[in-house]
Amino acid sequence: MKPDLTNRKSALTEFLAGIVLGITVFVGVGFCLLLAKESEQLEVAAVPEEAANKVELSKIVEDLIGLEGTWAIDEAPEEIETPVDDSEEPSSPLPYPEDFNTLGGEIVRKTYSYSETSTIVSLSGGGMLRNSTETDTEYLLSEAEKDVDFTIDIDSSEPQVLIIHTHTTESYEPYARTSYDDTFNSRTTDLDKSVVAVGDEVAEALEAAGIAVIHNAELYDYPQYTGAYDRSSDAIEAYLEEYPSIKIVIDIHRDAIESDGVRYAPICEIDGETAAQVMIIVGCLNVPNYRYNLRFAAKLQSKLETDYPGLTRPILFTERNYNQELTHASILIEVGSSANSIDEAIYAGKLVGMGLAELLGSLE
């Protein structure tokens, strides 16, 4: 008689199924533990210690996979003030190149976006503030809510605004590109390709609104770069003495955002056209009345972000100076970076000018 194998087959099948199930559970649990550990490590590395508990997991995942449209705020270096170096050799002429190579590395074009943390907070009127100091953030927010302490005389022949460029030769790419020229240091004395062209747009919008403005295009970082802030300070003081009607001083720069050989162009789309994103900077080092500058900066930040969502990066409040002790409305504005095209920067300047003109028109 043949042996009955039915029960044996059934038992063997159940045994094998159990093994498969056990392996599946073991792998699944191990994967979850690994993912949790990776997320924990990333959270510690990606955010400041004081903000770690407030960052959502979704933001950590964005940083992990490089989600299109976002990257860490600390990839953007802060504007620096370089003291005079008497040993610095004068620069050679800085013409704008006629041709550009593509050997320098990649240009990544992205839009800065932010989540709130303990140091990056929303302004009630729109836009955000980044506090990089030990100053209490709640205090800064309360000051940002207060009104400015000046008015603007529309249609006056006396200048109300001074636009200046401490780093006058900072320039842009000729057009939107995916790689940069490693032989070009993004500085030029051809001012129609530099931040001066951005200042022209701001000045034009103010003048169209009946706001008298002086746009100073003197070279303060050429032929020597060090000491540029000292030289522009002397110029600002001279203008304020000659024209006591000046209420506002705006120092227009462009950023330089680079990491591991990759340069970043902060962009946004406004009314179907690409603009460079802008960042307002307020310094508090040796600026006793910094709160007045902050109030003005907050009003402009909120106006720009309300009218043109996505145009601004958070106001940077920092332990620096930037000649901002000279008035109650002195700010520095970074318009794009060296990787932005000149057209993107000029368009951003136009938007800043229109927003500023409307804001100042409400301060009559």
Protein backbone atom coordinates (compact mmCIF):
# COMPACT_ATOMS: atom_id res chain seq x y z
CA MET A 1 0.00 0.00 0.00
CA LYS A 2 1.33 3.50 -0.91
CA PRO A 3 2.02 5.82 2.04
CA ASP A 4 -0.41 8.76 2.51
CA LEU A 5 1.63 11.90 1.72
CA THR A 6 -1.24 14.39 1.98
CA ASN A 7 -0.68 15.26 5.64
CA ARG A 8 3.07 15.41 5.12
CA LYS A 9 2.68 17.85 2.17
CA SER A 10 0.31 20.00 4.19
CA ALA A 11 2.68 20.10 7.13
CA LEU A 12 5.63 20.92 4.86
CA THR A 13 3.65 23.71 3.18
CA GLU A 14 2.72 25.23 6.54
CA PHE A 15 6.33 24.97 7.71
CA LEU A 16 7.67 26.76 4.61
CA ALA A 17 4.97 29.44 4.83
CA GLY A 18 5.97 30.08 8.42
CA ILE A 19 9.59 30.52 7.42
CA VAL A 20 8.64 33.00 4.66
CA LEU A 21 6.42 34.94 7.06
CA GLY A 22 9.18 35.08 9.67
CA ILE A 23 11.72 36.35 7.16
CA THR A 24 9.26 38.97 5.90
CA VAL A 25 8.57 40.25 9.42
CA PHE A 26 12.28 40.27 10.29
CA VAL A 27 13.21 42.25 7.15
CA GLY A 28 10.32 44.64 7.60
CA VAL A 29 11.16 45.40 11.22
CA GLY A 30 14.83 45.81 10.37
CA PHE A 31 14.01 48.23 7.54
CA CYS A 32 11.78 50.33 9.78
CA LEU A 33 14.45 50.53 12.46
CA LEU A 34 17.07 51.52 9.88
CA LEU A 35 14.79 54.20 8.42
CA ALA A 36 14.05 55.56 11.88
CA LYS A 37 17.75 55.71 12.72
CA GLU A 38 18.57 57.47 9.42
CA SER A 39 15.80 60.00 10.05
CA GLU A 40 17.08 60.63 13.58
CA GLN A 41 20.65 61.18 12.36
CA LEU A 42 19.50 63.48 9.58
CA GLU A 43 17.39 65.54 11.95
CA VAL A 44 20.36 66.17 14.22
CA ALA A 45 22.62 67.07 11.29
CA ALA A 46 20.19 69.18 9.28
CA VAL A 47 18.85 71.65 11.86
CA PRO A 48 20.18 73.73 14.75
CA GLU A 49 19.96 72.03 18.14
CA GLU A 50 17.44 74.51 19.50
CA ALA A 51 15.12 73.95 16.53
CA ALA A 52 15.43 70.17 16.22
CA ASN A 53 12.21 69.39 18.06
CA LYS A 54 10.21 71.76 15.90
CA VAL A 55 11.15 70.49 12.45
CA GLU A 56 8.53 68.27 10.84
CA LEU A 57 9.46 64.85 9.47
CA SER A 58 8.31 65.95 6.02
CA LYS A 59 11.00 68.65 5.98
CA ILE A 60 13.64 66.10 6.99
CA VAL A 61 12.57 63.83 4.14
CA GLU A 62 12.75 66.78 1.72
CA ASP A 63 16.33 67.42 2.77
CA LEU A 64 17.16 63.70 2.48
CA ILE A 65 15.92 63.21 -1.06
CA GLY A 66 16.71 66.70 -2.39
CA LEU A 67 13.10 67.62 -3.11
CA GLU A 68 12.89 70.03 -6.05
CA GLY A 69 12.49 73.61 -4.93
CA THR A 70 14.08 73.44 -1.50
CA TRP A 71 17.51 73.41 0.11
CA ALA A 72 19.12 74.39 3.38
CA ILE A 73 19.16 78.09 4.23
CA ASP A 74 22.74 77.83 5.50
CA GLU A 75 24.00 77.14 1.99
CA ALA A 76 23.71 80.91 1.52
CA PRO A 77 26.75 82.66 3.00
CA GLU A 78 26.25 85.92 4.85
CA GLU A 79 27.47 89.19 3.41
CA ILE A 80 30.86 89.98 4.95
CA GLU A 81 32.68 93.19 5.82
CA THR A 82 36.36 93.05 4.91
CA PRO A 83 38.60 95.63 6.61
CA VAL A 84 41.20 97.54 4.67
CA ASP A 85 44.25 95.48 3.73
CA ASP A 86 47.06 97.84 2.79
CA SER A 87 48.98 94.98 1.22
CA GLU A 88 46.21 94.21 -1.29
CA GLU A 89 47.31 94.81 -4.86
CA PRO A 90 44.91 96.86 -7.01
CA SER A 91 42.77 94.74 -9.31
CA SER A 92 43.31 94.60 -13.04
CA PRO A 93 40.45 95.83 -15.24
CA LEU A 94 37.29 93.73 -14.90
CA PRO A 95 35.60 93.67 -18.32
CA TYR A 96 32.50 91.54 -18.78
CA PRO A 97 33.40 88.50 -20.92
CA GLU A 98 32.22 88.31 -24.50
CA ASP A 99 32.20 84.51 -24.37
CA PHE A 100 31.59 82.11 -21.46
CA ASN A 101 32.83 78.54 -21.10
CA THR A 102 30.87 75.80 -19.32
CA LEU A 103 33.74 74.15 -17.45
CA GLY A 104 33.23 75.53 -13.97
CA GLY A 105 30.51 73.29 -12.67
CA GLU A 106 26.74 73.00 -12.41
CA ILE A 107 24.26 75.81 -11.82
CA VAL A 108 21.15 74.67 -9.97
CA ARG A 109 18.11 76.92 -10.30
CA LYS A 110 15.73 76.52 -7.35
CA THR A 111 13.24 78.40 -5.25
CA TYR A 112 13.99 78.97 -1.56
CA SER A 113 11.10 77.89 0.68
CA TYR A 114 10.99 77.69 4.46
CA SER A 115 9.26 76.17 7.44
CA GLU A 116 9.03 77.88 10.81
CA THR A 117 11.57 77.00 13.51
CA SER A 118 12.61 78.70 16.73
CA THR A 119 14.75 81.13 14.70
CA ILE A 120 12.80 81.44 11.43
CA VAL A 121 9.42 83.00 12.14
CA SER A 122 6.55 84.48 10.17
CA LEU A 123 5.77 88.20 10.15
CA SER A 124 2.12 89.01 10.67
CA GLY A 125 1.97 91.13 7.52
CA GLY A 126 3.65 88.53 5.30
CA GLY A 127 7.13 87.13 4.77
CA MET A 128 9.52 85.77 7.38
CA LEU A 129 12.37 86.78 9.67
CA ARG A 130 15.49 84.73 10.40
CA ASN A 131 17.19 85.59 13.69
CA SER A 132 20.86 84.55 13.64
CA THR A 133 21.69 86.37 16.89
CA GLU A 134 21.18 85.82 20.61
CA THR A 135 18.51 88.54 20.67
CA ASP A 136 15.11 87.30 21.78
CA THR A 137 13.06 86.47 18.69
CA GLU A 138 9.77 87.48 20.30
CA TYR A 139 11.23 90.90 21.03
CA LEU A 140 12.26 91.27 17.38
CA LEU A 141 8.76 90.33 16.26
CA SER A 142 7.24 92.92 18.57
CA GLU A 143 9.57 95.59 17.17
CA ALA A 144 8.77 94.55 13.61
CA GLU A 145 5.10 95.28 14.29
CA LYS A 146 5.76 98.94 15.13
CA ASP A 147 5.47 101.83 12.69
CA VAL A 148 8.46 103.57 11.16
CA ASP A 149 9.36 106.98 12.61
CA PHE A 150 9.55 108.98 9.36
CA THR A 151 7.37 110.19 6.53
CA ILE A 152 8.07 110.58 2.82
CA ASP A 153 7.56 113.81 0.87
CA ILE A 154 6.06 112.82 -2.46
CA ASP A 155 6.86 115.11 -5.43
CA SER A 156 9.52 116.91 -3.43
CA SER A 157 12.68 118.00 -5.21
CA GLU A 158 14.67 117.00 -2.14
CA PRO A 159 15.96 113.40 -2.26
CA GLN A 160 14.21 110.97 0.09
CA VAL A 161 16.12 107.77 -0.78
CA LEU A 162 19.78 106.96 -1.37
CA ILE A 163 20.66 103.81 -3.32
CA ILE A 164 24.28 102.72 -3.11
CA HIS A 165 26.35 99.60 -3.90
CA THR A 166 29.24 98.86 -1.55
CA HIS A 167 30.25 95.92 -3.77
CA THR A 168 29.60 97.76 -7.00
CA THR A 169 31.23 95.24 -9.32
CA GLU A 170 29.14 92.22 -8.26
CA SER A 171 27.70 90.80 -11.49
CA TYR A 172 25.45 88.09 -12.92
CA GLU A 173 25.35 85.45 -15.63
CA PRO A 174 24.60 86.70 -19.17
CA TYR A 175 21.51 84.47 -19.39
CA ALA A 176 19.92 81.55 -17.54
CA ARG A 177 22.51 78.75 -17.76
CA THR A 178 23.09 75.26 -16.37
CA SER A 179 26.86 75.65 -15.85
CA TYR A 180 29.24 78.50 -15.06
CA ASP A 181 32.57 79.79 -16.38
CA ASP A 182 35.41 78.84 -14.03
CA THR A 183 37.61 81.68 -15.32
CA PHE A 184 35.13 84.46 -14.47
CA ASN A 185 34.91 85.67 -10.85
CA SER A 186 31.46 87.28 -11.28
CA ARG A 187 32.76 90.82 -10.90
CA THR A 188 32.85 93.48 -13.60
CA THR A 189 33.28 97.20 -14.08
CA ASP A 190 30.73 97.03 -16.91
CA LEU A 191 27.97 98.34 -14.68
CA ASP A 192 25.08 97.42 -16.95
CA LYS A 193 25.87 93.79 -16.05
CA SER A 194 26.27 94.42 -12.34
CA VAL A 195 24.11 95.24 -9.33
CA VAL A 196 24.08 98.84 -10.56
CA ALA A 197 21.62 97.77 -13.28
CA VAL A 198 19.35 96.45 -10.51
CA GLY A 199 19.63 99.77 -8.67
CA ASP A 200 18.63 101.57 -11.86
CA GLU A 201 15.33 99.65 -11.87
CA VAL A 202 14.60 100.49 -8.24
CA ALA A 203 15.43 104.16 -8.79
CA GLU A 204 13.26 104.34 -11.92
CA ALA A 205 10.23 102.94 -10.09
CA LEU A 206 10.67 105.41 -7.23
CA GLU A 207 11.04 108.38 -9.56
CA ALA A 208 7.92 107.31 -11.50
CA ALA A 209 6.04 107.49 -8.19
CA GLY A 210 7.29 111.02 -7.48
CA ILE A 211 9.88 109.97 -4.91
CA ALA A 212 13.21 111.78 -5.37
CA VAL A 213 16.15 109.40 -5.23
CA ILE A 214 19.92 109.51 -5.57
CA HIS A 215 21.45 106.44 -7.18
CA ASN A 216 25.17 106.35 -6.46
CA ALA A 217 27.15 104.09 -8.82
CA GLU A 218 30.68 104.84 -7.64
CA LEU A 219 33.08 101.89 -7.48
CA TYR A 220 33.79 101.08 -3.84
CA ASP A 221 35.21 97.55 -4.31
CA TYR A 222 37.54 98.39 -7.21
CA PRO A 223 40.45 98.59 -7.77
CA GLN A 224 40.73 97.34 -4.16
CA TYR A 225 38.11 95.07 -2.60
CA THR A 226 39.06 95.33 1.07
CA GLY A 227 37.78 98.41 2.85
CA ALA A 228 34.76 98.77 0.56
CA TYR A 229 32.40 99.35 3.50
CA ASP A 230 34.66 102.07 4.90
CA ARG A 231 34.63 103.88 1.57
CA SER A 232 30.88 103.56 1.09
CA SER A 233 30.36 104.76 4.68
CA ASP A 234 32.25 107.96 3.91
CA ALA A 235 30.08 108.46 0.85
CA ILE A 236 26.82 107.88 2.74
CA GLU A 237 27.81 110.31 5.47
CA ALA A 238 28.67 112.96 2.86
CA TYR A 239 25.28 112.51 1.16
CA LEU A 240 23.41 112.72 4.47
CA GLU A 241 25.24 115.93 5.34
CA GLU A 242 24.49 117.48 1.96
CA TYR A 243 20.92 116.18 1.78
CA PRO A 244 19.40 115.92 5.28
CA SER A 245 16.10 115.11 3.53
CA ILE A 246 17.30 111.53 2.90
CA LYS A 247 15.32 109.11 5.07
CA ILE A 248 16.28 105.75 3.55
CA VAL A 249 19.60 104.19 2.54
CA ILE A 250 19.50 100.96 0.53
CA ASP A 251 22.73 99.09 -0.21
CA ILE A 252 22.02 96.69 -3.10
CA HIS A 253 24.18 93.57 -3.52
CA ARG A 254 23.88 90.09 -4.95
CA ASP A 255 24.55 86.85 -3.08
CA ALA A 256 27.08 84.10 -3.90
CA ILE A 257 25.62 80.69 -3.10
CA GLU A 258 27.94 77.75 -3.76
CA SER A 259 28.41 74.28 -2.23
CA ASP A 260 30.84 71.57 -3.39
CA GLY A 261 31.41 73.29 -6.71
CA VAL A 262 27.70 73.74 -7.44
CA ARG A 263 26.31 77.26 -7.68
CA TYR A 264 22.68 78.03 -6.88
CA ALA A 265 20.41 80.58 -8.51
CA PRO A 266 17.45 81.46 -6.25
CA ILE A 267 14.46 82.05 -8.52
CA CYS A 268 10.70 82.47 -8.44
CA GLU A 269 8.00 83.04 -11.01
CA ILE A 270 6.04 86.29 -10.85
CA ASP A 271 3.34 86.97 -13.46
CA GLY A 272 4.78 84.32 -15.76
CA GLU A 273 8.32 85.72 -15.69
CA THR A 274 11.34 84.45 -13.76
CA ALA A 275 12.76 86.76 -11.10
CA ALA A 276 15.74 86.39 -8.79
CA GLN A 277 14.67 85.99 -5.17
CA VAL A 278 15.74 88.78 -2.82
CA MET A 279 16.84 88.87 0.81
CA ILE A 280 16.81 91.92 3.12
CA ILE A 281 19.55 92.03 5.76
CA VAL A 282 19.42 94.01 9.01
CA GLY A 283 22.59 94.25 11.09
CA CYS A 284 22.72 95.01 14.81
CA LEU A 285 26.46 95.11 15.53
CA ASN A 286 27.26 98.64 16.77
CA VAL A 287 23.86 99.78 15.51
CA PRO A 288 22.19 101.17 18.67
CA ASN A 289 18.94 101.92 16.85
CA TYR A 290 18.73 98.70 14.83
CA ARG A 291 15.09 98.30 15.80
CA TYR A 292 14.18 101.25 13.55
CA ASN A 293 15.88 99.61 10.57
CA LEU A 294 14.09 96.36 11.45
CA ARG A 295 10.70 98.09 11.45
CA PHE A 296 11.30 99.48 7.98
CA ALA A 297 12.69 96.16 6.71
CA ALA A 298 9.66 94.29 8.02
CA LYS A 299 7.25 96.68 6.31
CA LEU A 300 9.07 96.26 3.00
CA GLN A 301 9.36 92.47 3.42
CA SER A 302 5.64 92.12 4.06
CA LYS A 303 4.75 94.41 1.17
CA LEU A 304 6.90 92.48 -1.30
CA GLU A 305 5.75 89.08 -0.14
CA THR A 306 2.10 90.13 -0.19
CA ASP A 307 2.30 91.59 -3.69
CA TYR A 308 4.72 89.03 -5.14
CA PRO A 309 4.50 85.74 -3.19
CA GLY A 310 7.78 83.83 -3.27
CA LEU A 311 9.94 86.83 -4.19
CA THR A 312 11.61 87.11 -0.79
CA ARG A 313 13.80 84.96 1.39
CA PRO A 314 13.45 85.66 5.14
CA ILE A 315 14.90 88.91 6.47
CA LEU A 316 18.31 88.04 7.89
CA PHE A 317 18.86 89.68 11.29
CA THR A 318 22.55 89.34 12.04
CA GLU A 319 25.50 90.44 14.19
CA ARG A 320 26.96 92.70 11.51
CA ASN A 321 26.96 96.39 10.69
CA TYR A 322 26.82 97.30 6.98
CA ASN A 323 26.87 101.06 7.79
CA GLN A 324 23.34 100.72 9.16
CA GLU A 325 23.95 102.98 12.14
CA LEU A 326 23.69 106.03 9.87
CA THR A 327 19.88 106.35 9.52
CA HIS A 328 16.68 104.87 10.93
CA ALA A 329 15.93 103.15 7.61
CA SER A 330 19.20 101.60 6.43
CA ILE A 331 18.99 98.11 4.93
CA LEU A 332 21.00 95.83 2.68
CA ILE A 333 19.24 93.89 -0.08
CA GLU A 334 20.72 90.83 -1.77
CA VAL A 335 19.14 90.47 -5.23
CA GLY A 336 19.70 86.93 -6.48
CA SER A 337 23.16 85.38 -6.64
CA SER A 338 26.08 85.21 -9.04
CA ALA A 339 24.35 82.26 -10.75
CA ASN A 340 21.23 84.25 -11.67
CA SER A 341 20.95 85.86 -15.07
CA ILE A 342 21.16 89.64 -15.36
CA ASP A 343 17.57 89.70 -16.68
CA GLU A 344 16.28 87.82 -13.62
CA ALA A 345 18.04 90.30 -11.34
CA ILE A 346 16.77 93.32 -13.25
CA TYR A 347 13.21 92.01 -13.11
CA ALA A 348 13.54 91.49 -9.36
CA GLY A 349 14.82 95.07 -9.06
CA LYS A 350 11.75 96.30 -10.90
CA LEU A 351 9.45 94.41 -8.51
CA VAL A 352 11.33 95.68 -5.45
CA GLY A 353 11.11 99.22 -6.81
CA MET A 354 7.38 99.05 -7.42
CA GLY A 355 6.69 97.53 -4.01
CA LEU A 356 8.92 100.07 -2.28
CA ALA A 357 7.29 102.96 -4.14
CA GLU A 358 3.82 101.87 -3.04
CA LEU A 359 4.97 101.40 0.53
CA LEU A 360 6.62 104.82 0.70
CA GLY A 361 3.57 106.39 -0.91
CA SER A 362 1.58 105.26 2.14
CA LEU A 363 4.00 107.07 4.48
CA GLU A 364 3.18 110.61 3.36
